[in-house]
């Protein structure tokens, strides 16, 4: 959480509040990209057990610009 604490000069309340907001956004973006990750994995030849849910990555959730690009081009290319 250093990326939340440093800009607020040690104010732990602000750092915690901003950290919770940012982590919530990261989890939302990761969950939103999960179907695309699973489809990409299947295209790469990975096999998933029956009943296995979606595949996600917290790293993908921290990349806001690629997520926005996927959301913009998804209607044209049929992404879920």
Protein backbone atom coordinates (compact mmCIF):
# COMPACT_ATOMS: atom_id res chain seq x y z
CA UNK A 1 0.00 0.00 0.00
CA UNK A 2 3.00 2.29 -0.39
CA UNK A 3 1.39 3.74 -3.50
CA UNK A 4 -1.46 4.94 -1.27
CA UNK A 5 0.54 6.10 1.75
CA UNK A 6 3.32 8.08 0.10
CA UNK A 7 1.16 10.70 -1.69
CA UNK A 8 -0.75 11.41 1.53
CA UNK A 9 2.42 12.04 3.56
CA UNK A 10 1.69 9.38 6.15
CA UNK A 11 -2.00 10.14 6.71
CA UNK A 12 -3.11 6.56 7.35
CA UNK A 13 -6.84 7.26 7.19
CA UNK A 14 -6.58 8.79 3.71
CA UNK A 15 -4.20 6.07 2.57
CA UNK A 16 -6.59 3.35 3.75
CA UNK A 17 -9.59 5.04 2.16
CA UNK A 18 -7.89 5.55 -1.21
CA UNK A 19 -6.40 2.04 -1.01
CA UNK A 20 -9.84 0.52 -0.52
CA UNK A 21 -11.23 2.46 -3.47
CA UNK A 22 -8.33 1.51 -5.73
CA UNK A 23 -8.45 -2.15 -4.67
CA UNK A 24 -12.20 -2.21 -5.35
CA UNK A 25 -11.59 -0.87 -8.85
CA UNK A 26 -8.83 -3.43 -9.44
CA UNK A 27 -11.16 -6.26 -8.38
CA UNK A 28 -13.96 -4.91 -10.58
CA UNK A 29 -11.71 -4.65 -13.66
CA UNK A 30 -10.24 -8.11 -13.03
CA UNK A 31 -13.71 -9.62 -12.75
CA UNK A 32 -14.87 -7.77 -15.85
CA UNK A 33 -11.96 -9.18 -17.89
CA UNK A 34 -12.32 -12.75 -16.57
CA UNK A 35 -14.40 -14.11 -19.51
CA UNK A 36 -11.84 -12.72 -21.95
CA UNK A 37 -9.01 -14.36 -20.00
CA UNK A 38 -10.78 -17.72 -20.07
CA UNK A 39 -11.49 -17.47 -23.78
CA UNK A 40 -7.87 -16.54 -24.44
CA UNK A 41 -6.68 -19.50 -22.37
CA UNK A 42 -8.92 -21.88 -24.30
CA UNK A 43 -7.65 -20.46 -27.60
CA UNK A 44 -4.08 -21.09 -26.38
CA UNK A 45 -4.92 -24.75 -25.78
CA UNK A 46 -5.43 -24.76 -22.01
CA UNK A 47 -8.05 -27.18 -20.76
CA UNK A 48 -10.22 -26.35 -17.78
CA UNK A 49 -12.03 -28.94 -15.62
CA UNK A 50 -15.80 -29.24 -15.92
CA UNK A 51 -17.55 -26.67 -13.76
CA UNK A 52 -14.45 -24.49 -13.54
CA UNK A 53 -15.35 -20.82 -13.37
CA UNK A 54 -13.65 -17.87 -14.92
CA UNK A 55 -9.94 -17.10 -14.98
CA UNK A 56 -8.72 -13.73 -13.80
CA UNK A 57 -5.61 -11.83 -12.76
CA UNK A 58 -5.13 -8.97 -10.33
CA UNK A 59 -2.37 -7.69 -12.57
CA UNK A 60 -4.88 -7.20 -15.38
CA UNK A 61 -7.11 -5.27 -13.00
CA UNK A 62 -4.39 -2.72 -12.37
CA UNK A 63 -4.13 -1.88 -16.07
CA UNK A 64 -6.86 0.71 -16.59
CA UNK A 65 -5.93 1.88 -20.11
CA UNK A 66 -5.99 -1.60 -21.72
CA UNK A 67 -9.29 -2.30 -19.94
CA UNK A 68 -10.77 0.89 -21.41
CA UNK A 69 -9.51 -0.07 -24.87
CA UNK A 70 -11.10 -3.52 -24.55
CA UNK A 71 -14.39 -1.92 -23.52
CA UNK A 72 -14.26 0.50 -26.49
CA UNK A 73 -13.45 -2.12 -29.15
CA UNK A 74 -15.53 -4.98 -27.70
CA UNK A 75 -18.74 -4.10 -29.60
CA UNK A 76 -16.85 -4.25 -32.90
CA UNK A 77 -15.06 -7.55 -32.27
CA UNK A 78 -17.67 -9.41 -30.24
CA UNK A 79 -15.86 -9.63 -26.91
CA UNK A 80 -18.08 -10.44 -23.93
